[in-house]
Amino acid sequence: MAKEETNISNRVRLKLSRLCRTFRNNVGLFTTISGDKIRTGLCKGSSDLIGWTTVEVTPDMVGKKVAIFMGIEIKSSKGRMSKAQIKFAENVNDAGGIAFMARSPEEAEEKLTSRIKDLQNARSNR
């Protein structure tokens, strides 16, 4: 991740710390001294930050809280998501999780709170 994106990522993690739990997801491939290839990270295209946010479900679900998987792709002002990153975000969202791209802590907070409200509203409208 470029230096600017690392800076944004660190600020996003700090800003969102009251809303969710995030982990840095370093995706890549390296070769060991012995020549073995090692893949790191969740999977190709997975978000820079992964983790969960907790949502309280409706009374018809016994009022328990559940953890919703979340992925945040961090980009600089000129950065663009790859096809693999777009596909990963689509898969997470289609499965009921939360995934999006953010260029600032403020944008990440706005998108996350909006998606949490959308999930809660969808559950209460059933």
N, C-alpha and C. Protein backbone atom coordinates (compact mmCIF):
# COMPACT_ATOMS: atom_id res chain seq x y z
N MET A 1 0.86 -1.17 0.00
CA MET A 1 0.00 0.00 0.00
C MET A 1 0.91 1.23 0.00
N ALA A 2 0.61 2.18 -0.83
CA ALA A 2 1.40 3.40 -0.91
C ALA A 2 1.36 4.16 0.42
N LYS A 3 2.37 5.00 0.61
CA LYS A 3 2.49 5.74 1.88
C LYS A 3 1.23 6.55 2.18
N GLU A 4 0.67 7.23 1.17
CA GLU A 4 -0.54 8.03 1.37
C GLU A 4 -1.71 7.14 1.81
N GLU A 5 -1.85 5.99 1.18
CA GLU A 5 -2.94 5.09 1.55
C GLU A 5 -2.72 4.49 2.93
N THR A 6 -1.48 4.22 3.31
CA THR A 6 -1.19 3.73 4.66
C THR A 6 -1.61 4.77 5.69
N ASN A 7 -1.30 6.02 5.42
CA ASN A 7 -1.69 7.11 6.32
C ASN A 7 -3.22 7.18 6.44
N ILE A 8 -3.92 7.12 5.31
CA ILE A 8 -5.39 7.16 5.32
C ILE A 8 -5.93 5.96 6.09
N SER A 9 -5.36 4.78 5.84
CA SER A 9 -5.81 3.56 6.51
C SER A 9 -5.69 3.67 8.03
N ASN A 10 -4.57 4.16 8.51
CA ASN A 10 -4.37 4.34 9.95
C ASN A 10 -5.39 5.31 10.54
N ARG A 11 -5.65 6.40 9.82
CA ARG A 11 -6.63 7.38 10.30
C ARG A 11 -8.05 6.82 10.27
N VAL A 12 -8.37 6.01 9.26
CA VAL A 12 -9.69 5.36 9.19
C VAL A 12 -9.87 4.42 10.38
N ARG A 13 -8.86 3.61 10.68
CA ARG A 13 -8.96 2.67 11.81
C ARG A 13 -9.21 3.41 13.12
N LEU A 14 -8.53 4.51 13.31
CA LEU A 14 -8.73 5.31 14.52
C LEU A 14 -10.14 5.92 14.55
N LYS A 15 -10.57 6.49 13.45
CA LYS A 15 -11.89 7.14 13.37
C LYS A 15 -13.03 6.16 13.62
N LEU A 16 -12.89 4.93 13.09
CA LEU A 16 -13.97 3.95 13.18
C LEU A 16 -13.90 3.05 14.42
N SER A 17 -12.92 3.26 15.27
CA SER A 17 -12.70 2.34 16.39
C SER A 17 -13.90 2.20 17.32
N ARG A 18 -14.77 3.19 17.40
CA ARG A 18 -15.97 3.07 18.25
C ARG A 18 -17.12 2.34 17.54
N LEU A 19 -17.01 2.19 16.21
CA LEU A 19 -18.08 1.57 15.43
C LEU A 19 -17.82 0.13 15.03
N CYS A 20 -16.55 -0.25 14.96
CA CYS A 20 -16.23 -1.59 14.44
C CYS A 20 -14.85 -2.02 14.88
N ARG A 21 -14.52 -3.25 14.56
CA ARG A 21 -13.19 -3.82 14.83
C ARG A 21 -12.56 -4.07 13.48
N THR A 22 -11.39 -3.48 13.22
CA THR A 22 -10.73 -3.66 11.93
C THR A 22 -9.35 -4.27 12.09
N PHE A 23 -8.95 -4.97 11.05
CA PHE A 23 -7.62 -5.57 10.98
C PHE A 23 -7.01 -5.24 9.63
N ARG A 24 -5.73 -4.94 9.61
CA ARG A 24 -5.02 -4.68 8.36
C ARG A 24 -4.86 -6.01 7.64
N ASN A 25 -5.24 -6.04 6.38
CA ASN A 25 -5.21 -7.26 5.58
C ASN A 25 -4.18 -7.08 4.45
N ASN A 26 -2.96 -7.50 4.70
CA ASN A 26 -1.91 -7.39 3.69
C ASN A 26 -2.02 -8.56 2.71
N VAL A 27 -2.38 -8.25 1.47
CA VAL A 27 -2.53 -9.28 0.45
C VAL A 27 -1.30 -9.24 -0.45
N GLY A 28 -0.70 -10.39 -0.67
CA GLY A 28 0.46 -10.41 -1.54
C GLY A 28 1.05 -11.80 -1.68
N LEU A 29 2.17 -11.85 -2.34
CA LEU A 29 2.89 -13.09 -2.60
C LEU A 29 4.37 -12.81 -2.43
N PHE A 30 5.06 -13.69 -1.69
CA PHE A 30 6.51 -13.53 -1.59
C PHE A 30 7.17 -14.89 -1.68
N THR A 31 8.44 -14.87 -1.99
CA THR A 31 9.22 -16.09 -2.14
C THR A 31 10.20 -16.18 -0.98
N THR A 32 10.23 -17.33 -0.33
CA THR A 32 11.14 -17.54 0.79
C THR A 32 12.55 -17.80 0.24
N ILE A 33 13.51 -17.81 1.13
CA ILE A 33 14.90 -18.08 0.74
C ILE A 33 15.02 -19.44 0.06
N SER A 34 14.20 -20.39 0.50
CA SER A 34 14.25 -21.73 -0.09
C SER A 34 13.48 -21.83 -1.41
N GLY A 35 12.84 -20.73 -1.82
CA GLY A 35 12.12 -20.73 -3.09
C GLY A 35 10.63 -21.02 -3.00
N ASP A 36 10.13 -21.28 -1.78
CA ASP A 36 8.70 -21.52 -1.62
C ASP A 36 7.94 -20.21 -1.79
N LYS A 37 6.79 -20.29 -2.44
CA LYS A 37 5.94 -19.12 -2.61
C LYS A 37 4.88 -19.12 -1.52
N ILE A 38 4.72 -17.98 -0.85
CA ILE A 38 3.78 -17.84 0.25
C ILE A 38 2.81 -16.72 -0.08
N ARG A 39 1.51 -17.01 -0.02
CA ARG A 39 0.48 -15.99 -0.21
C ARG A 39 0.09 -15.46 1.17
N THR A 40 -0.14 -14.16 1.21
CA THR A 40 -0.58 -13.54 2.46
C THR A 40 -1.93 -12.87 2.23
N GLY A 41 -2.64 -12.62 3.31
CA GLY A 41 -3.93 -11.94 3.22
C GLY A 41 -5.08 -12.92 3.05
N LEU A 42 -6.26 -12.37 3.10
CA LEU A 42 -7.49 -13.18 3.03
C LEU A 42 -7.61 -13.88 1.68
N CYS A 43 -7.63 -13.13 0.59
CA CYS A 43 -7.68 -13.67 -0.77
C CYS A 43 -7.39 -12.54 -1.74
N LYS A 44 -7.11 -12.87 -2.98
CA LYS A 44 -6.84 -11.85 -3.98
C LYS A 44 -8.05 -10.91 -4.09
N GLY A 45 -7.78 -9.62 -4.05
CA GLY A 45 -8.85 -8.64 -4.16
C GLY A 45 -9.49 -8.25 -2.85
N SER A 46 -9.15 -8.96 -1.76
CA SER A 46 -9.80 -8.62 -0.49
C SER A 46 -9.35 -7.24 0.00
N SER A 47 -10.21 -6.63 0.78
CA SER A 47 -10.05 -5.24 1.21
C SER A 47 -8.83 -5.02 2.09
N ASP A 48 -8.33 -3.77 2.08
CA ASP A 48 -7.19 -3.40 2.92
C ASP A 48 -7.49 -3.58 4.40
N LEU A 49 -8.70 -3.22 4.79
CA LEU A 49 -9.15 -3.39 6.17
C LEU A 49 -10.31 -4.37 6.18
N ILE A 50 -10.23 -5.36 7.03
CA ILE A 50 -11.34 -6.29 7.21
C ILE A 50 -11.67 -6.36 8.69
N GLY A 51 -12.86 -6.82 8.99
CA GLY A 51 -13.26 -6.93 10.38
C GLY A 51 -14.76 -7.09 10.49
N TRP A 52 -15.32 -6.52 11.55
CA TRP A 52 -16.76 -6.64 11.74
C TRP A 52 -17.30 -5.42 12.47
N THR A 53 -18.59 -5.26 12.31
CA THR A 53 -19.33 -4.29 13.10
C THR A 53 -20.48 -5.06 13.73
N THR A 54 -20.91 -4.64 14.89
CA THR A 54 -21.97 -5.34 15.60
C THR A 54 -23.29 -4.61 15.38
N VAL A 55 -24.31 -5.38 15.06
CA VAL A 55 -25.65 -4.85 14.81
C VAL A 55 -26.62 -5.61 15.70
N GLU A 56 -27.52 -4.88 16.34
CA GLU A 56 -28.55 -5.55 17.13
C GLU A 56 -29.69 -5.92 16.21
N VAL A 57 -30.05 -7.19 16.23
CA VAL A 57 -31.12 -7.68 15.36
C VAL A 57 -32.48 -7.39 15.98
N THR A 58 -33.50 -7.57 15.20
CA THR A 58 -34.86 -7.25 15.64
C THR A 58 -35.38 -8.24 16.67
N PRO A 59 -36.45 -7.89 17.40
CA PRO A 59 -37.00 -8.77 18.43
C PRO A 59 -37.39 -10.15 17.91
N ASP A 60 -37.81 -10.24 16.64
CA ASP A 60 -38.16 -11.55 16.12
C ASP A 60 -36.94 -12.46 15.99
N MET A 61 -35.76 -11.90 16.20
CA MET A 61 -34.54 -12.70 16.20
C MET A 61 -33.99 -12.76 17.62
N VAL A 62 -34.83 -12.66 18.59
CA VAL A 62 -34.55 -12.81 20.01
C VAL A 62 -33.65 -11.71 20.56
N GLY A 63 -33.53 -10.58 19.87
CA GLY A 63 -32.79 -9.44 20.37
C GLY A 63 -31.30 -9.63 20.54
N LYS A 64 -30.74 -10.65 19.93
CA LYS A 64 -29.29 -10.87 20.03
C LYS A 64 -28.55 -9.93 19.09
N LYS A 65 -27.27 -9.74 19.38
CA LYS A 65 -26.42 -8.96 18.49
C LYS A 65 -25.65 -9.92 17.60
N VAL A 66 -25.35 -9.48 16.39
CA VAL A 66 -24.58 -10.30 15.47
C VAL A 66 -23.44 -9.46 14.90
N ALA A 67 -22.38 -10.14 14.53
CA ALA A 67 -21.25 -9.46 13.90
C ALA A 67 -21.44 -9.53 12.39
N ILE A 68 -21.36 -8.40 11.76
CA ILE A 68 -21.49 -8.29 10.31
C ILE A 68 -20.09 -8.10 9.72
N PHE A 69 -19.69 -9.00 8.81
CA PHE A 69 -18.38 -8.88 8.18
C PHE A 69 -18.29 -7.57 7.40
N MET A 70 -17.11 -6.98 7.41
CA MET A 70 -16.93 -5.70 6.79
C MET A 70 -15.57 -5.65 6.11
N GLY A 71 -15.53 -4.98 4.94
CA GLY A 71 -14.27 -4.76 4.24
C GLY A 71 -14.22 -3.33 3.72
N ILE A 72 -13.10 -2.66 3.96
CA ILE A 72 -12.94 -1.29 3.50
C ILE A 72 -11.68 -1.22 2.64
N GLU A 73 -11.86 -0.86 1.40
CA GLU A 73 -10.74 -0.67 0.48
C GLU A 73 -10.30 0.79 0.56
N ILE A 74 -9.05 1.02 0.93
CA ILE A 74 -8.51 2.37 1.09
C ILE A 74 -7.84 2.80 -0.20
N LYS A 75 -8.20 3.98 -0.67
CA LYS A 75 -7.59 4.53 -1.87
C LYS A 75 -7.23 6.00 -1.65
N SER A 76 -6.15 6.42 -2.31
CA SER A 76 -5.77 7.83 -2.30
C SER A 76 -6.73 8.58 -3.21
N SER A 77 -6.52 9.87 -3.33
CA SER A 77 -7.42 10.68 -4.15
C SER A 77 -7.44 10.25 -5.61
N LYS A 78 -6.39 9.62 -6.08
CA LYS A 78 -6.33 9.19 -7.48
C LYS A 78 -6.42 7.68 -7.65
N GLY A 79 -6.45 6.94 -6.55
CA GLY A 79 -6.46 5.48 -6.62
C GLY A 79 -7.78 4.92 -7.15
N ARG A 80 -7.71 3.78 -7.80
CA ARG A 80 -8.89 3.10 -8.35
C ARG A 80 -8.87 1.64 -7.90
N MET A 81 -10.05 1.09 -7.71
CA MET A 81 -10.16 -0.32 -7.34
C MET A 81 -9.90 -1.21 -8.55
N SER A 82 -9.21 -2.33 -8.32
CA SER A 82 -9.00 -3.31 -9.39
C SER A 82 -10.28 -4.11 -9.59
N LYS A 83 -10.34 -4.87 -10.67
CA LYS A 83 -11.51 -5.73 -10.92
C LYS A 83 -11.69 -6.73 -9.78
N ALA A 84 -10.59 -7.28 -9.29
CA ALA A 84 -10.67 -8.25 -8.18
C ALA A 84 -11.20 -7.59 -6.91
N GLN A 85 -10.80 -6.36 -6.64
CA GLN A 85 -11.28 -5.64 -5.46
C GLN A 85 -12.76 -5.31 -5.58
N ILE A 86 -13.19 -4.91 -6.77
CA ILE A 86 -14.61 -4.64 -7.00
C ILE A 86 -15.42 -5.90 -6.79
N LYS A 87 -14.96 -7.02 -7.33
CA LYS A 87 -15.67 -8.30 -7.20
C LYS A 87 -15.75 -8.73 -5.73
N PHE A 88 -14.65 -8.57 -4.98
CA PHE A 88 -14.66 -8.92 -3.57
C PHE A 88 -15.72 -8.11 -2.83
N ALA A 89 -15.75 -6.80 -3.06
CA ALA A 89 -16.74 -5.93 -2.39
C ALA A 89 -18.15 -6.32 -2.78
N GLU A 90 -18.39 -6.62 -4.05
CA GLU A 90 -19.72 -7.05 -4.49
C GLU A 90 -20.13 -8.35 -3.78
N ASN A 91 -19.20 -9.30 -3.67
CA ASN A 91 -19.50 -10.58 -3.01
C ASN A 91 -19.85 -10.38 -1.54
N VAL A 92 -19.10 -9.52 -0.86
CA VAL A 92 -19.37 -9.24 0.56
C VAL A 92 -20.75 -8.61 0.71
N ASN A 93 -21.04 -7.60 -0.10
CA ASN A 93 -22.33 -6.91 -0.02
C ASN A 93 -23.49 -7.85 -0.38
N ASP A 94 -23.31 -8.68 -1.41
CA ASP A 94 -24.36 -9.62 -1.81
C ASP A 94 -24.64 -10.66 -0.73
N ALA A 95 -23.63 -10.97 0.09
CA ALA A 95 -23.79 -11.96 1.15
C ALA A 95 -24.33 -11.35 2.45
N GLY A 96 -24.63 -10.04 2.44
CA GLY A 96 -25.18 -9.40 3.63
C GLY A 96 -24.17 -8.66 4.47
N GLY A 97 -22.92 -8.62 4.03
CA GLY A 97 -21.89 -7.88 4.75
C GLY A 97 -21.84 -6.44 4.28
N ILE A 98 -20.79 -5.77 4.68
CA ILE A 98 -20.60 -4.36 4.32
C ILE A 98 -19.22 -4.22 3.70
N ALA A 99 -19.15 -3.72 2.47
CA ALA A 99 -17.86 -3.47 1.82
C ALA A 99 -17.97 -2.21 0.97
N PHE A 100 -16.93 -1.41 1.02
CA PHE A 100 -16.92 -0.16 0.25
C PHE A 100 -15.50 0.37 0.14
N MET A 101 -15.32 1.38 -0.71
CA MET A 101 -14.05 2.07 -0.85
C MET A 101 -14.15 3.41 -0.13
N ALA A 102 -13.06 3.82 0.50
CA ALA A 102 -13.02 5.13 1.17
C ALA A 102 -11.70 5.82 0.89
N ARG A 103 -11.77 7.13 0.77
CA ARG A 103 -10.58 7.95 0.53
C ARG A 103 -10.20 8.80 1.74
N SER A 104 -11.03 8.74 2.79
CA SER A 104 -10.76 9.52 4.00
C SER A 104 -11.48 8.88 5.18
N PRO A 105 -11.04 9.21 6.40
CA PRO A 105 -11.75 8.71 7.58
C PRO A 105 -13.20 9.17 7.63
N GLU A 106 -13.45 10.38 7.22
CA GLU A 106 -14.81 10.92 7.25
C GLU A 106 -15.72 10.17 6.27
N GLU A 107 -15.20 9.89 5.08
CA GLU A 107 -15.98 9.14 4.10
C GLU A 107 -16.24 7.72 4.60
N ALA A 108 -15.25 7.10 5.22
CA ALA A 108 -15.43 5.74 5.76
C ALA A 108 -16.50 5.73 6.85
N GLU A 109 -16.45 6.71 7.75
CA GLU A 109 -17.44 6.77 8.82
C GLU A 109 -18.84 6.97 8.26
N GLU A 110 -18.98 7.87 7.29
CA GLU A 110 -20.30 8.15 6.70
C GLU A 110 -20.84 6.89 6.00
N LYS A 111 -20.01 6.23 5.23
CA LYS A 111 -20.46 5.03 4.51
C LYS A 111 -20.81 3.90 5.48
N LEU A 112 -19.99 3.70 6.51
CA LEU A 112 -20.26 2.62 7.47
C LEU A 112 -21.55 2.89 8.24
N THR A 113 -21.73 4.08 8.77
CA THR A 113 -22.95 4.36 9.53
C THR A 113 -24.19 4.26 8.64
N SER A 114 -24.07 4.71 7.40
CA SER A 114 -25.18 4.60 6.45
C SER A 114 -25.54 3.15 6.17
N ARG A 115 -24.53 2.31 5.96
CA ARG A 115 -24.79 0.89 5.68
C ARG A 115 -25.37 0.17 6.90
N ILE A 116 -24.91 0.52 8.10
CA ILE A 116 -25.47 -0.08 9.32
C ILE A 116 -26.95 0.28 9.43
N LYS A 117 -27.29 1.55 9.20
CA LYS A 117 -28.69 1.97 9.25
C LYS A 117 -29.51 1.24 8.20
N ASP A 118 -28.97 1.08 7.00
CA ASP A 118 -29.66 0.35 5.93
C ASP A 118 -29.94 -1.10 6.36
N LEU A 119 -28.96 -1.74 6.97
CA LEU A 119 -29.15 -3.12 7.44
C LEU A 119 -30.22 -3.21 8.52
N GLN A 120 -30.17 -2.28 9.46
CA GLN A 120 -31.15 -2.29 10.54
C GLN A 120 -32.55 -2.02 10.01
N ASN A 121 -32.67 -1.09 9.07
CA ASN A 121 -33.98 -0.78 8.47
C ASN A 121 -34.50 -1.96 7.66
N ALA A 122 -33.65 -2.64 6.95
CA ALA A 122 -34.07 -3.80 6.16
C ALA A 122 -34.59 -4.91 7.05
N ARG A 123 -33.95 -5.10 8.20
CA ARG A 123 -34.40 -6.14 9.14
C ARG A 123 -35.72 -5.77 9.80
N SER A 124 -35.89 -4.50 10.11
CA SER A 124 -37.12 -4.08 10.80
C SER A 124 -38.31 -4.00 9.83
N ASN A 125 -38.05 -3.93 8.53
CA ASN A 125 -39.13 -3.86 7.54
C ASN A 125 -39.62 -5.23 7.08
N ARG A 126 -39.04 -6.28 7.62
CA ARG A 126 -39.46 -7.64 7.21
C ARG A 126 -40.77 -8.01 7.82
